[in-house]
Amino acid sequence: MRILAIETASEACSVALFDEKRLIANTHAELGRGHAERLIPMIADLPGKGRAERIIVSLGPGSFTGVRIGIAAARALGVAWSAQVLGYSTLALVAMRAWQPSPRDVTVCMNGGHGEWFVQNFNGSKAQDELRSLSPDAAKLACCHDVIVGNRADALAAFFSDESKTALNLLPDASKTNLFCEDQFTTNLTPIYGRAPDAKPLAIPLGKERA
């Protein structure tokens, strides 16, 4: 079975094509912005234009826009190809990128926006606690492991004056999704935002509703 992996939740945009667990081809680019323009051409450049029987896509947390772009593309291709579409956690993928030379316990720390960081502790690929969006001070208290990974790893490690932490600045990479176990995928493609949206519902005073 061919599997297409899509990762757009961070400043990195990446795609990978697998034959079961074997990587066939991949592209990884740190864009910052512009995922919507680059994603489909990146998929089209893969062998067979990326066509697969299964599509796996990041659900976040991360960039609101990036997460939505990835899920929308996966859904559309799933319909076009009659492919199964499954989602996965971006933080779990970042945790697995630290598996060199073997799985290890890590704290993942990623940019969460508005001065907060997404923080979650992992035992190998298994989450040990709930995802949280925290201030830097709170993130220090939530850090359980000596190895910190993610695009805010250096910043979190700097809070520990005894230099006891090892920081690995890693971004999610679709080419590492073959490390996932089957039970880590979900058919629920609801984005994992990790915090409340910036937009607030407009409050209309009583008696001012439109007819």
C-alpha atoms as a PDB file:
ATOM      1  CA  MET A   1       0.000   0.000   0.000  1.00  0.00           C
ATOM      2  CA  ARG A   2       1.281   3.432  -0.934  1.00  0.00           C
ATOM      3  CA  ILE A   3       0.973   6.134   1.718  1.00  0.00           C
ATOM      4  CA  LEU A   4       1.187   9.893   1.199  1.00  0.00           C
ATOM      5  CA  ALA A   5       2.165  11.937   4.265  1.00  0.00           C
ATOM      6  CA  ILE A   6       1.401  15.667   4.496  1.00  0.00           C
ATOM      7  CA  GLU A   7       2.896  17.965   7.160  1.00  0.00           C
ATOM      8  CA  THR A   8       2.021  21.684   7.170  1.00  0.00           C
ATOM      9  CA  ALA A   9       1.517  22.590  10.844  1.00  0.00           C
ATOM     10  CA  SER A  10       4.724  24.586  11.329  1.00  0.00           C
ATOM     11  CA  GLU A  11       7.018  26.846   9.296  1.00  0.00           C
ATOM     12  CA  ALA A  12       8.111  23.653   7.536  1.00  0.00           C
ATOM     13  CA  CYS A  13       6.104  22.181   4.677  1.00  0.00           C
ATOM     14  CA  SER A  14       6.848  18.571   3.837  1.00  0.00           C
ATOM     15  CA  VAL A  15       5.436  15.618   1.954  1.00  0.00           C
ATOM     16  CA  ALA A  16       6.571  12.019   1.718  1.00  0.00           C
ATOM     17  CA  LEU A  17       5.525   8.956  -0.258  1.00  0.00           C
ATOM     18  CA  PHE A  18       5.922   5.480   1.214  1.00  0.00           C
ATOM     19  CA  ASP A  19       5.463   1.900   0.118  1.00  0.00           C
ATOM     20  CA  GLU A  20       4.205   0.633   3.482  1.00  0.00           C
ATOM     21  CA  LYS A  21       7.103   1.732   5.759  1.00  0.00           C
ATOM     22  CA  ARG A  22       9.680   2.191   2.986  1.00  0.00           C
ATOM     23  CA  LEU A  23      10.323   5.792   1.990  1.00  0.00           C
ATOM     24  CA  ILE A  24      10.079   6.271  -1.784  1.00  0.00           C
ATOM     25  CA  ALA A  25      10.528  10.052  -2.043  1.00  0.00           C
ATOM     26  CA  ASN A  26      10.078  13.186   0.018  1.00  0.00           C
ATOM     27  CA  THR A  27      10.410  16.974   0.004  1.00  0.00           C
ATOM     28  CA  HIS A  28      10.950  19.172   3.061  1.00  0.00           C
ATOM     29  CA  ALA A  29      11.120  22.971   2.930  1.00  0.00           C
ATOM     30  CA  GLU A  30      11.199  25.606   5.671  1.00  0.00           C
ATOM     31  CA  LEU A  31       8.913  28.229   4.177  1.00  0.00           C
ATOM     32  CA  GLY A  32       7.634  30.290   7.063  1.00  0.00           C
ATOM     33  CA  ARG A  33       4.650  31.218   4.881  1.00  0.00           C
ATOM     34  CA  GLY A  34       3.291  30.128   1.534  1.00  0.00           C
ATOM     35  CA  HIS A  35       2.202  26.565   2.324  1.00  0.00           C
ATOM     36  CA  ALA A  36      -0.951  26.922   0.223  1.00  0.00           C
ATOM     37  CA  GLU A  37       1.068  27.768  -2.888  1.00  0.00           C
ATOM     38  CA  ARG A  38       3.745  25.114  -2.410  1.00  0.00           C
ATOM     39  CA  LEU A  39       1.916  22.066  -1.054  1.00  0.00           C
ATOM     40  CA  ILE A  40       0.131  20.763  -4.167  1.00  0.00           C
ATOM     41  CA  PRO A  41       3.175  21.267  -6.471  1.00  0.00           C
ATOM     42  CA  MET A  42       5.313  19.395  -3.922  1.00  0.00           C
ATOM     43  CA  ILE A  43       2.862  16.485  -3.986  1.00  0.00           C
ATOM     44  CA  ALA A  44       2.684  16.563  -7.806  1.00  0.00           C
ATOM     45  CA  ASP A  45       6.491  16.278  -7.992  1.00  0.00           C
ATOM     46  CA  LEU A  46       6.443  12.949  -6.126  1.00  0.00           C
ATOM     47  CA  PRO A  47       6.524   9.693  -8.159  1.00  0.00           C
ATOM     48  CA  GLY A  48       3.109   9.018  -9.671  1.00  0.00           C
ATOM     49  CA  LYS A  49       2.134  12.561  -8.624  1.00  0.00           C
ATOM     50  CA  GLY A  50       1.941  11.274  -5.060  1.00  0.00           C
ATOM     51  CA  ARG A  51      -1.078   9.063  -5.670  1.00  0.00           C
ATOM     52  CA  ALA A  52      -1.655   6.694  -2.775  1.00  0.00           C
ATOM     53  CA  GLU A  53      -4.220   4.374  -1.199  1.00  0.00           C
ATOM     54  CA  ARG A  54      -3.795   6.089   2.188  1.00  0.00           C
ATOM     55  CA  ILE A  55      -3.146   9.729   3.087  1.00  0.00           C
ATOM     56  CA  ILE A  56      -1.922  10.752   6.535  1.00  0.00           C
ATOM     57  CA  VAL A  57      -1.977  14.400   7.540  1.00  0.00           C
ATOM     58  CA  SER A  58      -0.931  16.498  10.507  1.00  0.00           C
ATOM     59  CA  LEU A  59      -3.795  17.702  12.699  1.00  0.00           C
ATOM     60  CA  GLY A  60      -1.606  20.123  14.662  1.00  0.00           C
ATOM     61  CA  PRO A  61      -1.146  21.831  16.933  1.00  0.00           C
ATOM     62  CA  GLY A  62       0.644  24.613  15.134  1.00  0.00           C
ATOM     63  CA  SER A  63      -0.244  27.294  12.651  1.00  0.00           C
ATOM     64  CA  PHE A  64      -4.032  27.616  12.360  1.00  0.00           C
ATOM     65  CA  THR A  65      -3.702  28.320   8.640  1.00  0.00           C
ATOM     66  CA  GLY A  66      -1.111  25.621   7.999  1.00  0.00           C
ATOM     67  CA  VAL A  67      -3.146  22.928   9.741  1.00  0.00           C
ATOM     68  CA  ARG A  68      -6.277  23.811   7.772  1.00  0.00           C
ATOM     69  CA  ILE A  69      -4.369  23.829   4.463  1.00  0.00           C
ATOM     70  CA  GLY A  70      -2.980  20.346   5.054  1.00  0.00           C
ATOM     71  CA  ILE A  71      -6.299  18.847   6.122  1.00  0.00           C
ATOM     72  CA  ALA A  72      -8.170  20.434   3.212  1.00  0.00           C
ATOM     73  CA  ALA A  73      -5.635  19.066   0.715  1.00  0.00           C
ATOM     74  CA  ALA A  74      -5.755  15.591   2.279  1.00  0.00           C
ATOM     75  CA  ARG A  75      -9.557  15.534   2.196  1.00  0.00           C
ATOM     76  CA  ALA A  76      -9.673  16.654  -1.440  1.00  0.00           C
ATOM     77  CA  LEU A  77      -7.099  14.099  -2.578  1.00  0.00           C
ATOM     78  CA  GLY A  78      -8.841  11.412  -0.548  1.00  0.00           C
ATOM     79  CA  VAL A  79     -12.046  12.028  -2.489  1.00  0.00           C
ATOM     80  CA  ALA A  80     -10.248  12.247  -5.848  1.00  0.00           C
ATOM     81  CA  TRP A  81      -8.264   9.049  -5.280  1.00  0.00           C
ATOM     82  CA  SER A  82     -10.843   7.151  -3.161  1.00  0.00           C
ATOM     83  CA  ALA A  83      -8.097   6.986  -0.540  1.00  0.00           C
ATOM     84  CA  GLN A  84      -8.331   6.520   3.211  1.00  0.00           C
ATOM     85  CA  VAL A  85      -7.446   9.737   5.086  1.00  0.00           C
ATOM     86  CA  LEU A  86      -6.074   9.613   8.642  1.00  0.00           C
ATOM     87  CA  GLY A  87      -4.677  12.247  10.995  1.00  0.00           C
ATOM     88  CA  TYR A  88      -1.807  12.365  13.484  1.00  0.00           C
ATOM     89  CA  SER A  89      -0.343  14.635  16.168  1.00  0.00           C
ATOM     90  CA  THR A  90       2.392  17.017  15.070  1.00  0.00           C
ATOM     91  CA  LEU A  91       4.034  16.977  18.509  1.00  0.00           C
ATOM     92  CA  ALA A  92       4.244  13.179  18.446  1.00  0.00           C
ATOM     93  CA  LEU A  93       6.009  13.418  15.084  1.00  0.00           C
ATOM     94  CA  VAL A  94       8.514  15.923  16.487  1.00  0.00           C
ATOM     95  CA  ALA A  95       9.132  13.602  19.448  1.00  0.00           C
ATOM     96  CA  MET A  96       9.943  10.747  17.087  1.00  0.00           C
ATOM     97  CA  ARG A  97      12.436  12.881  15.161  1.00  0.00           C
ATOM     98  CA  ALA A  98      14.569  12.737  18.329  1.00  0.00           C
ATOM     99  CA  TRP A  99      14.871   8.943  18.081  1.00  0.00           C
ATOM    100  CA  GLN A 100      18.563   8.912  17.311  1.00  0.00           C
ATOM    101  CA  PRO A 101      19.977   6.392  17.872  1.00  0.00           C
ATOM    102  CA  SER A 102      16.874   4.910  19.576  1.00  0.00           C
ATOM    103  CA  PRO A 103      13.536   5.990  21.115  1.00  0.00           C
ATOM    104  CA  ARG A 104      13.902   8.177  24.186  1.00  0.00           C
ATOM    105  CA  ASP A 105      11.848  10.309  26.549  1.00  0.00           C
ATOM    106  CA  VAL A 106      11.534  13.940  25.445  1.00  0.00           C
ATOM    107  CA  THR A 107       9.681  17.144  26.164  1.00  0.00           C
ATOM    108  CA  VAL A 108       8.367  18.723  22.964  1.00  0.00           C
ATOM    109  CA  CYS A 109       8.239  22.528  22.937  1.00  0.00           C
ATOM    110  CA  MET A 110       6.845  24.276  19.856  1.00  0.00           C
ATOM    111  CA  ASN A 111       5.787  27.827  19.092  1.00  0.00           C
ATOM    112  CA  GLY A 112       2.160  28.347  20.105  1.00  0.00           C
ATOM    113  CA  GLY A 113       1.652  31.998  19.244  1.00  0.00           C
ATOM    114  CA  HIS A 114       0.959  35.069  21.394  1.00  0.00           C
ATOM    115  CA  GLY A 115       4.099  34.408  23.416  1.00  0.00           C
ATOM    116  CA  GLU A 116       3.010  30.923  24.461  1.00  0.00           C
ATOM    117  CA  TRP A 117       4.530  27.535  23.682  1.00  0.00           C
ATOM    118  CA  PHE A 118       2.915  24.171  23.024  1.00  0.00           C
ATOM    119  CA  VAL A 119       4.373  21.707  25.524  1.00  0.00           C
ATOM    120  CA  GLN A 120       3.885  17.955  25.870  1.00  0.00           C
ATOM    121  CA  ASN A 121       5.981  15.190  27.414  1.00  0.00           C
ATOM    122  CA  PHE A 122       6.545  11.893  25.613  1.00  0.00           C
ATOM    123  CA  ASN A 123       7.734   8.453  26.622  1.00  0.00           C
ATOM    124  CA  GLY A 124       9.018   7.326  23.252  1.00  0.00           C
ATOM    125  CA  SER A 125       6.085   8.075  20.954  1.00  0.00           C
ATOM    126  CA  LYS A 126       3.446   7.875  23.688  1.00  0.00           C
ATOM    127  CA  ALA A 127       2.152  11.105  25.201  1.00  0.00           C
ATOM    128  CA  GLN A 128       2.549  11.210  28.979  1.00  0.00           C
ATOM    129  CA  ASP A 129       0.268  14.188  29.545  1.00  0.00           C
ATOM    130  CA  GLU A 130      -2.154  16.511  27.787  1.00  0.00           C
ATOM    131  CA  LEU A 131      -1.042  19.062  25.242  1.00  0.00           C
ATOM    132  CA  ARG A 132      -0.875  22.534  26.801  1.00  0.00           C
ATOM    133  CA  SER A 133      -0.307  26.053  25.509  1.00  0.00           C
ATOM    134  CA  LEU A 134       1.762  27.719  28.221  1.00  0.00           C
ATOM    135  CA  SER A 135       3.689  30.848  29.050  1.00  0.00           C
ATOM    136  CA  PRO A 136       7.483  30.314  29.072  1.00  0.00           C
ATOM    137  CA  ASP A 137       7.546  30.275  32.899  1.00  0.00           C
ATOM    138  CA  ALA A 138       4.806  27.663  33.032  1.00  0.00           C
ATOM    139  CA  ALA A 139       6.523  25.660  30.294  1.00  0.00           C
ATOM    140  CA  LYS A 140       9.604  25.372  32.503  1.00  0.00           C
ATOM    141  CA  LEU A 141       7.504  23.813  35.255  1.00  0.00           C
ATOM    142  CA  ALA A 142       5.879  21.425  32.765  1.00  0.00           C
ATOM    143  CA  CYS A 143       9.202  20.176  31.344  1.00  0.00           C
ATOM    144  CA  CYS A 144       9.783  16.632  32.643  1.00  0.00           C
ATOM    145  CA  HIS A 145      12.728  15.389  30.588  1.00  0.00           C
ATOM    146  CA  ASP A 146      16.380  16.228  30.004  1.00  0.00           C
ATOM    147  CA  VAL A 147      15.977  16.247  26.220  1.00  0.00           C
ATOM    148  CA  ILE A 148      13.829  19.054  24.783  1.00  0.00           C
ATOM    149  CA  VAL A 149      12.878  19.040  21.101  1.00  0.00           C
ATOM    150  CA  GLY A 150      11.004  21.433  18.842  1.00  0.00           C
ATOM    151  CA  ASN A 151      11.380  24.927  17.427  1.00  0.00           C
ATOM    152  CA  ARG A 152      11.384  26.430  20.949  1.00  0.00           C
ATOM    153  CA  ALA A 153      13.726  23.834  22.461  1.00  0.00           C
ATOM    154  CA  ASP A 154      16.660  26.236  22.840  1.00  0.00           C
ATOM    155  CA  ALA A 155      14.480  28.882  24.460  1.00  0.00           C
ATOM    156  CA  LEU A 156      13.042  26.452  27.011  1.00  0.00           C
ATOM    157  CA  ALA A 157      16.430  24.872  27.793  1.00  0.00           C
ATOM    158  CA  ALA A 158      17.826  28.353  28.510  1.00  0.00           C
ATOM    159  CA  PHE A 159      15.486  28.614  31.517  1.00  0.00           C
ATOM    160  CA  PHE A 160      17.534  25.944  33.286  1.00  0.00           C
ATOM    161  CA  SER A 161      20.672  27.660  34.580  1.00  0.00           C
ATOM    162  CA  ASP A 162      22.467  24.425  35.422  1.00  0.00           C
ATOM    163  CA  GLU A 163      22.617  23.524  31.712  1.00  0.00           C
ATOM    164  CA  SER A 164      21.044  20.154  32.529  1.00  0.00           C
ATOM    165  CA  LYS A 165      18.906  20.109  29.405  1.00  0.00           C
ATOM    166  CA  THR A 166      19.819  19.049  25.865  1.00  0.00           C
ATOM    167  CA  ALA A 167      17.987  21.054  23.214  1.00  0.00           C
ATOM    168  CA  LEU A 168      17.327  19.782  19.694  1.00  0.00           C
ATOM    169  CA  ASN A 169      15.736  22.344  17.417  1.00  0.00           C
ATOM    170  CA  LEU A 170      13.634  20.075  15.238  1.00  0.00           C
ATOM    171  CA  LEU A 171      10.645  20.719  12.987  1.00  0.00           C
ATOM    172  CA  PRO A 172       8.083  18.100  11.975  1.00  0.00           C
ATOM    173  CA  ASP A 173       9.096  16.172   8.863  1.00  0.00           C
ATOM    174  CA  ALA A 174       6.705  13.995   6.849  1.00  0.00           C
ATOM    175  CA  SER A 175       9.530  11.584   5.996  1.00  0.00           C
ATOM    176  CA  LYS A 176       9.527  10.367   9.621  1.00  0.00           C
ATOM    177  CA  THR A 177       5.843   9.427   9.738  1.00  0.00           C
ATOM    178  CA  ASN A 178       6.737   5.797   9.015  1.00  0.00           C
ATOM    179  CA  LEU A 179       7.781   5.629  12.689  1.00  0.00           C
ATOM    180  CA  PHE A 180       4.142   5.917  13.789  1.00  0.00           C
ATOM    181  CA  CYS A 181       2.294   2.875  15.078  1.00  0.00           C
ATOM    182  CA  GLU A 182      -1.116   2.158  13.577  1.00  0.00           C
ATOM    183  CA  ASP A 183      -2.949   3.080  16.793  1.00  0.00           C
ATOM    184  CA  GLN A 184      -1.523   6.615  16.643  1.00  0.00           C
ATOM    185  CA  PHE A 185      -3.634   7.517  13.614  1.00  0.00           C
ATOM    186  CA  THR A 186      -7.208   8.731  13.828  1.00  0.00           C
ATOM    187  CA  THR A 187     -10.109   8.948  11.409  1.00  0.00           C
ATOM    188  CA  ASN A 188     -11.241  12.135  13.204  1.00  0.00           C
ATOM    189  CA  LEU A 189      -9.771  14.944  11.105  1.00  0.00           C
ATOM    190  CA  THR A 190     -10.658  17.721  13.545  1.00  0.00           C
ATOM    191  CA  PRO A 191      -7.704  20.132  13.878  1.00  0.00           C
ATOM    192  CA  ILE A 192      -5.787  20.114  17.170  1.00  0.00           C
ATOM    193  CA  TYR A 193      -5.477  23.841  17.756  1.00  0.00           C
ATOM    194  CA  GLY A 194      -4.142  23.638  21.321  1.00  0.00           C
ATOM    195  CA  ARG A 195      -5.579  27.012  22.294  1.00  0.00           C
ATOM    196  CA  ALA A 196      -8.664  29.116  21.686  1.00  0.00           C
ATOM    197  CA  PRO A 197      -8.938  30.877  18.304  1.00  0.00           C
ATOM    198  CA  ASP A 198      -7.949  34.546  18.118  1.00  0.00           C
ATOM    199  CA  ALA A 199     -11.273  35.594  16.588  1.00  0.00           C
ATOM    200  CA  LYS A 200     -14.124  36.187  19.029  1.00  0.00           C
ATOM    201  CA  PRO A 201     -17.858  35.943  18.273  1.00  0.00           C
ATOM    202  CA  LEU A 202     -19.457  39.359  17.764  1.00  0.00           C
ATOM    203  CA  ALA A 203     -21.763  40.187  20.657  1.00  0.00           C
ATOM    204  CA  ILE A 204     -24.999  41.817  19.479  1.00  0.00           C
ATOM    205  CA  PRO A 205     -26.975  43.715  22.139  1.00  0.00           C
ATOM    206  CA  LEU A 206     -30.470  42.454  22.834  1.00  0.00           C
ATOM    207  CA  GLY A 207     -33.020  44.110  20.627  1.00  0.00           C
ATOM    208  CA  LYS A 208     -30.428  44.825  17.907  1.00  0.00           C
ATOM    209  CA  GLU A 209     -30.692  41.501  16.087  1.00  0.00           C
ATOM    210  CA  ARG A 210     -31.253  41.670  12.394  1.00  0.00           C
ATOM    211  CA  ALA A 211     -34.680  40.696  11.189  1.00  0.00           C
END
